[in-house]
Amino acid sequence: GDAKPRLPTLEEAVVAFCVPPLDGRDLLVFVACADDVAQPVRLVRLTG
């Protein structure tokens, strides 16, 4: 019943938190993923 070890593929995403918040209000997070052809780098704003 144990999960068998599965080797992950080489693809990964990098998630970088900007602490302290750059604008003093909302924390920004950058998500970078080479396999995401449409948007390889995204900016996420964590409001509040």
All heavy atoms as atom14 arrays in JSON, in Angstrom:
{
  "sequence": "GDAKPRLPTLEEAVVAFCVPPLDGRDLLVFVACADDVAQPVRLVRLTG",
  "atom14_mask": [
    [1, 1, 1, 1, 0, 0, 0, 0, 0, 0, 0, 0, 0, 0],
    [1, 1, 1, 1, 1, 1, 1, 1, 0, 0, 0, 0, 0, 0],
    [1, 1, 1, 1, 1, 0, 0, 0, 0, 0, 0, 0, 0, 0],
    [1, 1, 1, 1, 1, 1, 1, 1, 1, 0, 0, 0, 0, 0],
    [1, 1, 1, 1, 1, 1, 1, 0, 0, 0, 0, 0, 0, 0],
    [1, 1, 1, 1, 1, 1, 1, 1, 1, 1, 1, 0, 0, 0],
    [1, 1, 1, 1, 1, 1, 1, 1, 0, 0, 0, 0, 0, 0],
    [1, 1, 1, 1, 1, 1, 1, 0, 0, 0, 0, 0, 0, 0],
    [1, 1, 1, 1, 1, 1, 1, 0, 0, 0, 0, 0, 0, 0],
    [1, 1, 1, 1, 1, 1, 1, 1, 0, 0, 0, 0, 0, 0],
    [1, 1, 1, 1, 1, 1, 1, 1, 1, 0, 0, 0, 0, 0],
    [1, 1, 1, 1, 1, 1, 1, 1, 1, 0, 0, 0, 0, 0],
    [1, 1, 1, 1, 1, 0, 0, 0, 0, 0, 0, 0, 0, 0],
    [1, 1, 1, 1, 1, 1, 1, 0, 0, 0, 0, 0, 0, 0],
    [1, 1, 1, 1, 1, 1, 1, 0, 0, 0, 0, 0, 0, 0],
    [1, 1, 1, 1, 1, 0, 0, 0, 0, 0, 0, 0, 0, 0],
    [1, 1, 1, 1, 1, 1, 1, 1, 1, 1, 1, 0, 0, 0],
    [1, 1, 1, 1, 1, 1, 0, 0, 0, 0, 0, 0, 0, 0],
    [1, 1, 1, 1, 1, 1, 1, 0, 0, 0, 0, 0, 0, 0],
    [1, 1, 1, 1, 1, 1, 1, 0, 0, 0, 0, 0, 0, 0],
    [1, 1, 1, 1, 1, 1, 1, 0, 0, 0, 0, 0, 0, 0],
    [1, 1, 1, 1, 1, 1, 1, 1, 0, 0, 0, 0, 0, 0],
    [1, 1, 1, 1, 1, 1, 1, 1, 0, 0, 0, 0, 0, 0],
    [1, 1, 1, 1, 0, 0, 0, 0, 0, 0, 0, 0, 0, 0],
    [1, 1, 1, 1, 1, 1, 1, 1, 1, 1, 1, 0, 0, 0],
    [1, 1, 1, 1, 1, 1, 1, 1, 0, 0, 0, 0, 0, 0],
    [1, 1, 1, 1, 1, 1, 1, 1, 0, 0, 0, 0, 0, 0],
    [1, 1, 1, 1, 1, 1, 1, 1, 0, 0, 0, 0, 0, 0],
    [1, 1, 1, 1, 1, 1, 1, 0, 0, 0, 0, 0, 0, 0],
    [1, 1, 1, 1, 1, 1, 1, 1, 1, 1, 1, 0, 0, 0],
    [1, 1, 1, 1, 1, 1, 1, 0, 0, 0, 0, 0, 0, 0],
    [1, 1, 1, 1, 1, 0, 0, 0, 0, 0, 0, 0, 0, 0],
    [1, 1, 1, 1, 1, 1, 0, 0, 0, 0, 0, 0, 0, 0],
    [1, 1, 1, 1, 1, 0, 0, 0, 0, 0, 0, 0, 0, 0],
    [1, 1, 1, 1, 1, 1, 1, 1, 0, 0, 0, 0, 0, 0],
    [1, 1, 1, 1, 1, 1, 1, 1, 0, 0, 0, 0, 0, 0],
    [1, 1, 1, 1, 1, 1, 1, 0, 0, 0, 0, 0, 0, 0],
    [1, 1, 1, 1, 1, 0, 0, 0, 0, 0, 0, 0, 0, 0],
    [1, 1, 1, 1, 1, 1, 1, 1, 1, 0, 0, 0, 0, 0],
    [1, 1, 1, 1, 1, 1, 1, 0, 0, 0, 0, 0, 0, 0],
    [1, 1, 1, 1, 1, 1, 1, 0, 0, 0, 0, 0, 0, 0],
    [1, 1, 1, 1, 1, 1, 1, 1, 1, 1, 1, 0, 0, 0],
    [1, 1, 1, 1, 1, 1, 1, 1, 0, 0, 0, 0, 0, 0],
    [1, 1, 1, 1, 1, 1, 1, 0, 0, 0, 0, 0, 0, 0],
    [1, 1, 1, 1, 1, 1, 1, 1, 1, 1, 1, 0, 0, 0],
    [1, 1, 1, 1, 1, 1, 1, 1, 0, 0, 0, 0, 0, 0],
    [1, 1, 1, 1, 1, 1, 1, 0, 0, 0, 0, 0, 0, 0],
    [1, 1, 1, 1, 0, 0, 0, 0, 0, 0, 0, 0, 0, 0]
  ],
  "atom14_positions": [
    [[0.79, -1.21, 0.0], [0.0, 0.0, 0.0], [0.83, 1.26, 0.0], [0.3, 2.35, -0.18], [0.0, 0.0, 0.0], [0.0, 0.0, 0.0], [0.0, 0.0, 0.0], [0.0, 0.0, 0.0], [0.0, 0.0, 0.0], [0.0, 0.0, 0.0], [0.0, 0.0, 0.0], [0.0, 0.0, 0.0], [0.0, 0.0, 0.0], [0.0, 0.0, 0.0]],
    [[2.14, 1.17, 0.21], [3.01, 2.36, 0.17], [3.05, 2.9, -1.26], [2.96, 2.17, -2.23], [4.44, 2.01, 0.57], [4.63, 2.07, 2.07], [3.64, 2.33, 2.76], [5.77, 1.84, 2.52], [0.0, 0.0, 0.0], [0.0, 0.0, 0.0], [0.0, 0.0, 0.0], [0.0, 0.0, 0.0], [0.0, 0.0, 0.0], [0.0, 0.0, 0.0]],
    [[3.21, 4.22, -1.34], [3.45, 4.82, -2.64], [4.84, 4.44, -3.11], [5.8, 4.54, -2.36], [3.32, 6.34, -2.55], [0.0, 0.0, 0.0], [0.0, 0.0, 0.0], [0.0, 0.0, 0.0], [0.0, 0.0, 0.0], [0.0, 0.0, 0.0], [0.0, 0.0, 0.0], [0.0, 0.0, 0.0], [0.0, 0.0, 0.0], [0.0, 0.0, 0.0]],
    [[4.94, 3.98, -4.34], [6.24, 3.64, -4.9], [6.97, 4.92, -5.27], [6.36, 5.86, -5.78], [6.09, 2.75, -6.13], [5.36, 1.44, -5.84], [6.15, 0.56, -4.89], [5.45, -0.76, -4.66], [6.14, -1.61, -3.68], [0.0, 0.0, 0.0], [0.0, 0.0, 0.0], [0.0, 0.0, 0.0], [0.0, 0.0, 0.0], [0.0, 0.0, 0.0]],
    [[8.27, 4.99, -5.03], [9.01, 6.19, -5.4], [8.9, 6.45, -6.89], [9.16, 5.57, -7.7], [10.45, 5.87, -4.99], [10.32, 4.8, -3.96], [9.11, 4.01, -4.34], [0.0, 0.0, 0.0], [0.0, 0.0, 0.0], [0.0, 0.0, 0.0], [0.0, 0.0, 0.0], [0.0, 0.0, 0.0], [0.0, 0.0, 0.0], [0.0, 0.0, 0.0]],
    [[8.49, 7.66, -7.25], [8.4, 8.02, -8.65], [9.39, 9.15, -8.9], [9.35, 10.18, -8.25], [6.98, 8.5, -9.0], [5.92, 7.43, -8.8], [4.54, 7.99, -9.09], [3.51, 7.01, -8.86], [2.21, 7.27, -8.96], [1.8, 8.48, -9.27], [1.32, 6.32, -8.74], [0.0, 0.0, 0.0], [0.0, 0.0, 0.0], [0.0, 0.0, 0.0]],
    [[10.23, 8.97, -9.87], [11.24, 9.97, -10.16], [10.58, 11.12, -10.93], [9.92, 10.9, -11.93], [12.36, 9.37, -11.0], [13.08, 8.18, -10.36], [14.21, 7.73, -11.24], [13.6, 8.54, -8.98], [0.0, 0.0, 0.0], [0.0, 0.0, 0.0], [0.0, 0.0, 0.0], [0.0, 0.0, 0.0], [0.0, 0.0, 0.0], [0.0, 0.0, 0.0]],
    [[10.73, 12.36, -10.43], [10.12, 13.48, -11.12], [10.82, 13.77, -12.43], [11.98, 13.44, -12.62], [10.31, 14.64, -10.13], [11.52, 14.25, -9.35], [11.46, 12.76, -9.24], [0.0, 0.0, 0.0], [0.0, 0.0, 0.0], [0.0, 0.0, 0.0], [0.0, 0.0, 0.0], [0.0, 0.0, 0.0], [0.0, 0.0, 0.0], [0.0, 0.0, 0.0]],
    [[10.09, 14.39, -13.35], [10.7, 14.82, -14.59], [11.6, 16.02, -14.31], [11.61, 16.56, -13.2], [9.62, 15.21, -15.61], [8.87, 16.3, -15.07], [8.67, 14.05, -15.88], [0.0, 0.0, 0.0], [0.0, 0.0, 0.0], [0.0, 0.0, 0.0], [0.0, 0.0, 0.0], [0.0, 0.0, 0.0], [0.0, 0.0, 0.0], [0.0, 0.0, 0.0]],
    [[12.33, 16.45, -15.33], [13.26, 17.55, -15.13], [12.55, 18.9, -15.04], [13.14, 19.88, -14.63], [14.28, 17.58, -16.27], [15.21, 16.37, -16.36], [16.13, 16.52, -17.58], [16.04, 16.24, -15.1], [0.0, 0.0, 0.0], [0.0, 0.0, 0.0], [0.0, 0.0, 0.0], [0.0, 0.0, 0.0], [0.0, 0.0, 0.0], [0.0, 0.0, 0.0]],
    [[11.28, 18.98, -15.45], [10.58, 20.25, -15.49], [10.27, 20.73, -14.09], [9.87, 19.94, -13.21], [9.27, 20.12, -16.28], [9.48, 19.92, -17.78], [9.82, 18.49, -18.15], [9.81, 17.63, -17.26], [10.1, 18.24, -19.33], [0.0, 0.0, 0.0], [0.0, 0.0, 0.0], [0.0, 0.0, 0.0], [0.0, 0.0, 0.0], [0.0, 0.0, 0.0]],
    [[10.45, 22.01, -13.86], [10.14, 22.59, -12.57], [9.73, 24.04, -12.73], [9.95, 24.65, -13.79], [11.33, 22.5, -11.63], [12.49, 23.41, -12.02], [13.61, 23.41, -11.0], [13.5, 22.72, -9.99], [14.6, 24.11, -11.24], [0.0, 0.0, 0.0], [0.0, 0.0, 0.0], [0.0, 0.0, 0.0], [0.0, 0.0, 0.0], [0.0, 0.0, 0.0]],
    [[9.12, 24.58, -11.7], [8.79, 25.99, -11.63], [9.52, 26.6, -10.44], [9.68, 25.95, -9.41], [7.29, 26.2, -11.5], [0.0, 0.0, 0.0], [0.0, 0.0, 0.0], [0.0, 0.0, 0.0], [0.0, 0.0, 0.0], [0.0, 0.0, 0.0], [0.0, 0.0, 0.0], [0.0, 0.0, 0.0], [0.0, 0.0, 0.0], [0.0, 0.0, 0.0]],
    [[9.97, 27.82, -10.6], [10.63, 28.55, -9.52], [9.64, 29.59, -8.99], [9.08, 30.37, -9.76], [11.91, 29.24, -10.02], [12.54, 30.06, -8.89], [12.89, 28.21, -10.54], [0.0, 0.0, 0.0], [0.0, 0.0, 0.0], [0.0, 0.0, 0.0], [0.0, 0.0, 0.0], [0.0, 0.0, 0.0], [0.0, 0.0, 0.0], [0.0, 0.0, 0.0]],
    [[9.43, 29.56, -7.67], [8.49, 30.47, -7.02], [9.29, 31.33, -6.04], [9.83, 30.81, -5.06], [7.39, 29.69, -6.28], [6.38, 30.66, -5.66], [6.68, 28.73, -7.23], [0.0, 0.0, 0.0], [0.0, 0.0, 0.0], [0.0, 0.0, 0.0], [0.0, 0.0, 0.0], [0.0, 0.0, 0.0], [0.0, 0.0, 0.0], [0.0, 0.0, 0.0]],
    [[9.37, 32.63, -6.31], [10.19, 33.53, -5.49], [9.31, 34.57, -4.8], [8.59, 35.33, -5.47], [11.24, 34.24, -6.37], [0.0, 0.0, 0.0], [0.0, 0.0, 0.0], [0.0, 0.0, 0.0], [0.0, 0.0, 0.0], [0.0, 0.0, 0.0], [0.0, 0.0, 0.0], [0.0, 0.0, 0.0], [0.0, 0.0, 0.0], [0.0, 0.0, 0.0]],
    [[9.36, 34.59, -3.48], [8.59, 35.53, -2.67], [9.44, 36.78, -2.39], [10.59, 36.66, -1.93], [8.18, 34.9, -1.34], [7.12, 33.86, -1.47], [7.41, 32.6, -1.98], [5.81, 34.12, -1.07], [6.43, 31.63, -2.1], [4.82, 33.16, -1.19], [5.13, 31.91, -1.7], [0.0, 0.0, 0.0], [0.0, 0.0, 0.0], [0.0, 0.0, 0.0]],
    [[8.89, 37.95, -2.63], [9.6, 39.2, -2.38], [9.29, 39.69, -0.97], [8.32, 40.43, -0.75], [9.2, 40.27, -3.41], [9.58, 39.81, -5.11], [0.0, 0.0, 0.0], [0.0, 0.0, 0.0], [0.0, 0.0, 0.0], [0.0, 0.0, 0.0], [0.0, 0.0, 0.0], [0.0, 0.0, 0.0], [0.0, 0.0, 0.0], [0.0, 0.0, 0.0]],
    [[10.07, 39.25, -0.01], [9.87, 39.64, 1.38], [11.07, 40.46, 1.8], [12.22, 40.0, 1.67], [9.73, 38.4, 2.28], [9.5, 38.81, 3.73], [8.58, 37.51, 1.8], [0.0, 0.0, 0.0], [0.0, 0.0, 0.0], [0.0, 0.0, 0.0], [0.0, 0.0, 0.0], [0.0, 0.0, 0.0], [0.0, 0.0, 0.0], [0.0, 0.0, 0.0]],
    [[10.87, 41.7, 2.33], [9.58, 42.33, 2.62], [8.87, 42.79, 1.35], [9.51, 42.92, 0.3], [9.97, 43.53, 3.5], [11.35, 43.86, 3.05], [12.0, 42.55, 2.74], [0.0, 0.0, 0.0], [0.0, 0.0, 0.0], [0.0, 0.0, 0.0], [0.0, 0.0, 0.0], [0.0, 0.0, 0.0], [0.0, 0.0, 0.0], [0.0, 0.0, 0.0]],
    [[7.56, 43.04, 1.44], [6.81, 43.5, 0.26], [7.46, 44.73, -0.35], [7.83, 45.67, 0.35], [5.43, 43.82, 0.83], [5.31, 42.94, 2.04], [6.69, 42.89, 2.62], [0.0, 0.0, 0.0], [0.0, 0.0, 0.0], [0.0, 0.0, 0.0], [0.0, 0.0, 0.0], [0.0, 0.0, 0.0], [0.0, 0.0, 0.0], [0.0, 0.0, 0.0]],
    [[7.62, 44.72, -1.66], [8.35, 45.8, -2.33], [7.63, 47.14, -2.21], [8.27, 48.19, -2.09], [8.54, 45.45, -3.81], [9.44, 44.23, -4.09], [9.52, 43.98, -5.59], [10.82, 44.44, -3.51], [0.0, 0.0, 0.0], [0.0, 0.0, 0.0], [0.0, 0.0, 0.0], [0.0, 0.0, 0.0], [0.0, 0.0, 0.0], [0.0, 0.0, 0.0]],
    [[6.31, 47.14, -2.25], [5.58, 48.41, -2.2], [5.01, 48.68, -0.81], [4.27, 49.64, -0.62], [4.46, 48.44, -3.24], [3.46, 47.3, -3.08], [3.55, 46.58, -2.06], [2.59, 47.14, -3.93], [0.0, 0.0, 0.0], [0.0, 0.0, 0.0], [0.0, 0.0, 0.0], [0.0, 0.0, 0.0], [0.0, 0.0, 0.0], [0.0, 0.0, 0.0]],
    [[5.35, 47.82, 0.16], [4.89, 48.04, 1.52], [3.47, 47.62, 1.78], [3.0, 47.67, 2.92], [0.0, 0.0, 0.0], [0.0, 0.0, 0.0], [0.0, 0.0, 0.0], [0.0, 0.0, 0.0], [0.0, 0.0, 0.0], [0.0, 0.0, 0.0], [0.0, 0.0, 0.0], [0.0, 0.0, 0.0], [0.0, 0.0, 0.0], [0.0, 0.0, 0.0]],
    [[2.73, 47.21, 0.74], [1.32, 46.86, 0.93], [1.06, 45.38, 0.64], [0.62, 44.64, 1.5], [0.45, 47.73, 0.03], [0.51, 49.22, 0.36], [-0.52, 49.99, -0.45], [-0.37, 49.78, -1.88], [0.47, 50.47, -2.66], [1.24, 51.39, -2.12], [0.53, 50.23, -3.95], [0.0, 0.0, 0.0], [0.0, 0.0, 0.0], [0.0, 0.0, 0.0]],
    [[1.33, 44.98, -0.59], [1.04, 43.61, -1.01], [2.34, 42.88, -1.31], [3.25, 43.43, -1.92], [0.16, 43.59, -2.26], [-1.15, 44.32, -2.05], [-1.63, 44.32, -0.9], [-1.67, 44.89, -3.03], [0.0, 0.0, 0.0], [0.0, 0.0, 0.0], [0.0, 0.0, 0.0], [0.0, 0.0, 0.0], [0.0, 0.0, 0.0], [0.0, 0.0, 0.0]],
    [[2.4, 41.61, -0.9], [3.59, 40.81, -1.17], [3.53, 40.29, -2.6], [2.5, 39.77, -3.04], [3.68, 39.66, -0.16], [4.98, 38.86, -0.15], [5.28, 38.39, 1.27], [4.9, 37.65, -1.06], [0.0, 0.0, 0.0], [0.0, 0.0, 0.0], [0.0, 0.0, 0.0], [0.0, 0.0, 0.0], [0.0, 0.0, 0.0], [0.0, 0.0, 0.0]],
    [[4.63, 40.42, -3.32], [4.7, 39.97, -4.7], [5.41, 38.63, -4.8], [6.35, 38.35, -4.05], [5.45, 41.0, -5.56], [4.88, 42.42, -5.56], [5.73, 43.33, -6.44], [3.43, 42.41, -6.02], [0.0, 0.0, 0.0], [0.0, 0.0, 0.0], [0.0, 0.0, 0.0], [0.0, 0.0, 0.0], [0.0, 0.0, 0.0], [0.0, 0.0, 0.0]],
    [[4.94, 37.79, -5.71], [5.54, 36.48, -5.95], [5.77, 36.33, -7.45], [4.87, 36.6, -8.25], [4.64, 35.34, -5.44], [5.34, 34.0, -5.64], [4.27, 35.54, -3.99], [0.0, 0.0, 0.0], [0.0, 0.0, 0.0], [0.0, 0.0, 0.0], [0.0, 0.0, 0.0], [0.0, 0.0, 0.0], [0.0, 0.0, 0.0], [0.0, 0.0, 0.0]],
    [[6.98, 35.92, -7.81], [7.29, 35.64, -9.21], [7.27, 34.13, -9.43], [7.84, 33.37, -8.64], [8.67, 36.19, -9.59], [8.73, 37.68, -9.64], [9.08, 38.41, -8.52], [8.42, 38.36, -10.82], [9.14, 39.8, -8.56], [8.46, 39.75, -10.87], [8.83, 40.47, -9.74], [0.0, 0.0, 0.0], [0.0, 0.0, 0.0], [0.0, 0.0, 0.0]],
    [[6.62, 33.69, -10.49], [6.57, 32.28, -10.86], [7.21, 32.15, -12.24], [6.73, 32.75, -13.21], [5.14, 31.73, -10.88], [5.13, 30.26, -11.29], [4.47, 31.91, -9.52], [0.0, 0.0, 0.0], [0.0, 0.0, 0.0], [0.0, 0.0, 0.0], [0.0, 0.0, 0.0], [0.0, 0.0, 0.0], [0.0, 0.0, 0.0], [0.0, 0.0, 0.0]],
    [[8.3, 31.4, -12.32], [9.01, 31.22, -13.58], [8.98, 29.74, -13.96], [9.27, 28.87, -13.14], [10.46, 31.69, -13.46], [0.0, 0.0, 0.0], [0.0, 0.0, 0.0], [0.0, 0.0, 0.0], [0.0, 0.0, 0.0], [0.0, 0.0, 0.0], [0.0, 0.0, 0.0], [0.0, 0.0, 0.0], [0.0, 0.0, 0.0], [0.0, 0.0, 0.0]],
    [[8.59, 29.46, -15.21], [8.49, 28.08, -15.67], [8.81, 28.03, -17.16], [8.07, 28.59, -17.99], [7.09, 27.52, -15.41], [6.84, 25.86, -16.02], [0.0, 0.0, 0.0], [0.0, 0.0, 0.0], [0.0, 0.0, 0.0], [0.0, 0.0, 0.0], [0.0, 0.0, 0.0], [0.0, 0.0, 0.0], [0.0, 0.0, 0.0], [0.0, 0.0, 0.0]],
    [[9.91, 27.38, -17.51], [10.34, 27.32, -18.91], [9.34, 26.57, -19.78], [9.22, 26.83, -20.98], [11.72, 26.67, -19.0], [0.0, 0.0, 0.0], [0.0, 0.0, 0.0], [0.0, 0.0, 0.0], [0.0, 0.0, 0.0], [0.0, 0.0, 0.0], [0.0, 0.0, 0.0], [0.0, 0.0, 0.0], [0.0, 0.0, 0.0], [0.0, 0.0, 0.0]],
    [[8.62, 25.62, -19.19], [7.67, 24.83, -19.97], [6.35, 25.56, -20.21], [5.51, 25.08, -20.97], [7.37, 23.51, -19.25], [8.43, 22.47, -19.56], [9.4, 22.82, -20.25], [8.31, 21.32, -19.08], [0.0, 0.0, 0.0], [0.0, 0.0, 0.0], [0.0, 0.0, 0.0], [0.0, 0.0, 0.0], [0.0, 0.0, 0.0], [0.0, 0.0, 0.0]],
    [[6.16, 26.69, -19.54], [4.94, 27.46, -19.74], [5.17, 28.42, -20.9], [5.62, 29.55, -20.73], [4.6, 28.23, -18.46], [3.21, 28.84, -18.51], [2.61, 28.84, -19.6], [2.74, 29.32, -17.46], [0.0, 0.0, 0.0], [0.0, 0.0, 0.0], [0.0, 0.0, 0.0], [0.0, 0.0, 0.0], [0.0, 0.0, 0.0], [0.0, 0.0, 0.0]],
    [[4.89, 27.96, -22.11], [5.21, 28.73, -23.31], [4.45, 30.05, -23.35], [4.98, 31.1, -23.74], [4.92, 27.9, -24.58], [5.24, 28.7, -25.83], [5.72, 26.61, -24.55], [0.0, 0.0, 0.0], [0.0, 0.0, 0.0], [0.0, 0.0, 0.0], [0.0, 0.0, 0.0], [0.0, 0.0, 0.0], [0.0, 0.0, 0.0], [0.0, 0.0, 0.0]],
    [[3.18, 30.03, -22.94], [2.36, 31.22, -23.02], [2.85, 32.32, -22.09], [2.96, 33.48, -22.48], [0.9, 30.87, -22.7], [0.0, 0.0, 0.0], [0.0, 0.0, 0.0], [0.0, 0.0, 0.0], [0.0, 0.0, 0.0], [0.0, 0.0, 0.0], [0.0, 0.0, 0.0], [0.0, 0.0, 0.0], [0.0, 0.0, 0.0], [0.0, 0.0, 0.0]],
    [[3.16, 31.96, -20.84], [3.63, 32.93, -19.85], [4.75, 32.31, -19.01], [4.51, 31.8, -17.93], [2.49, 33.37, -18.93], [1.59, 34.44, -19.52], [0.59, 34.92, -18.49], [-0.32, 34.2, -18.11], [0.75, 36.16, -18.05], [0.0, 0.0, 0.0], [0.0, 0.0, 0.0], [0.0, 0.0, 0.0], [0.0, 0.0, 0.0], [0.0, 0.0, 0.0]],
    [[5.98, 32.35, -19.51], [7.09, 31.72, -18.78], [7.39, 32.39, -17.45], [7.92, 31.75, -16.55], [8.27, 31.84, -19.75], [7.89, 32.95, -20.67], [6.42, 32.91, -20.8], [0.0, 0.0, 0.0], [0.0, 0.0, 0.0], [0.0, 0.0, 0.0], [0.0, 0.0, 0.0], [0.0, 0.0, 0.0], [0.0, 0.0, 0.0], [0.0, 0.0, 0.0]],
    [[7.06, 33.68, -17.31], [7.26, 34.38, -16.03], [5.98, 35.13, -15.7], [5.44, 35.87, -16.52], [8.44, 35.38, -16.1], [8.59, 36.1, -14.77], [9.73, 34.67, -16.46], [0.0, 0.0, 0.0], [0.0, 0.0, 0.0], [0.0, 0.0, 0.0], [0.0, 0.0, 0.0], [0.0, 0.0, 0.0], [0.0, 0.0, 0.0], [0.0, 0.0, 0.0]],
    [[5.5, 34.92, -14.49], [4.28, 35.6, -14.06], [4.51, 36.3, -12.73], [5.32, 35.87, -11.91], [3.13, 34.59, -13.88], [2.83, 33.77, -15.1], [1.51, 33.05, -14.94], [1.34, 31.99, -15.93], [0.21, 31.31, -16.09], [-0.82, 31.55, -15.3], [0.13, 30.36, -17.01], [0.0, 0.0, 0.0], [0.0, 0.0, 0.0], [0.0, 0.0, 0.0]],
    [[3.78, 37.37, -12.54], [3.82, 38.12, -11.29], [2.48, 37.97, -10.59], [1.42, 38.2, -11.18], [4.09, 39.61, -11.57], [3.99, 40.55, -10.37], [5.07, 40.22, -9.35], [4.13, 42.0, -10.84], [0.0, 0.0, 0.0], [0.0, 0.0, 0.0], [0.0, 0.0, 0.0], [0.0, 0.0, 0.0], [0.0, 0.0, 0.0], [0.0, 0.0, 0.0]],
    [[2.53, 37.52, -9.33], [1.32, 37.32, -8.54], [1.35, 38.3, -7.37], [2.35, 38.39, -6.65], [1.24, 35.87, -8.01], [-0.06, 35.67, -7.25], [1.36, 34.88, -9.15], [0.0, 0.0, 0.0], [0.0, 0.0, 0.0], [0.0, 0.0, 0.0], [0.0, 0.0, 0.0], [0.0, 0.0, 0.0], [0.0, 0.0, 0.0], [0.0, 0.0, 0.0]],
    [[0.26, 39.03, -7.18], [0.15, 39.98, -6.08], [-0.73, 39.38, -4.98], [-1.9, 39.07, -5.22], [-0.44, 41.3, -6.57], [-0.52, 42.38, -5.48], [-1.06, 43.67, -6.05], [-0.14, 44.27, -7.0], [0.85, 45.09, -6.65], [1.02, 45.42, -5.36], [1.65, 45.58, -7.56], [0.0, 0.0, 0.0], [0.0, 0.0, 0.0], [0.0, 0.0, 0.0]],
    [[-0.15, 39.21, -3.79], [-0.9, 38.65, -2.66], [-1.46, 39.82, -1.85], [-0.82, 40.36, -0.95], [0.01, 37.77, -1.81], [0.71, 36.62, -2.55], [1.52, 35.77, -1.58], [-0.31, 35.76, -3.29], [0.0, 0.0, 0.0], [0.0, 0.0, 0.0], [0.0, 0.0, 0.0], [0.0, 0.0, 0.0], [0.0, 0.0, 0.0], [0.0, 0.0, 0.0]],
    [[-2.67, 40.2, -2.17], [-3.29, 41.39, -1.6], [-3.46, 41.26, -0.09], [-3.96, 40.24, 0.41], [-4.66, 41.63, -2.25], [-4.48, 41.73, -3.67], [-5.3, 42.9, -1.71], [0.0, 0.0, 0.0], [0.0, 0.0, 0.0], [0.0, 0.0, 0.0], [0.0, 0.0, 0.0], [0.0, 0.0, 0.0], [0.0, 0.0, 0.0], [0.0, 0.0, 0.0]],
    [[-3.01, 42.28, 0.62], [-3.19, 42.32, 2.07], [-2.07, 41.69, 2.86], [-1.99, 41.88, 4.08], [0.0, 0.0, 0.0], [0.0, 0.0, 0.0], [0.0, 0.0, 0.0], [0.0, 0.0, 0.0], [0.0, 0.0, 0.0], [0.0, 0.0, 0.0], [0.0, 0.0, 0.0], [0.0, 0.0, 0.0], [0.0, 0.0, 0.0], [0.0, 0.0, 0.0]]
  ]
}
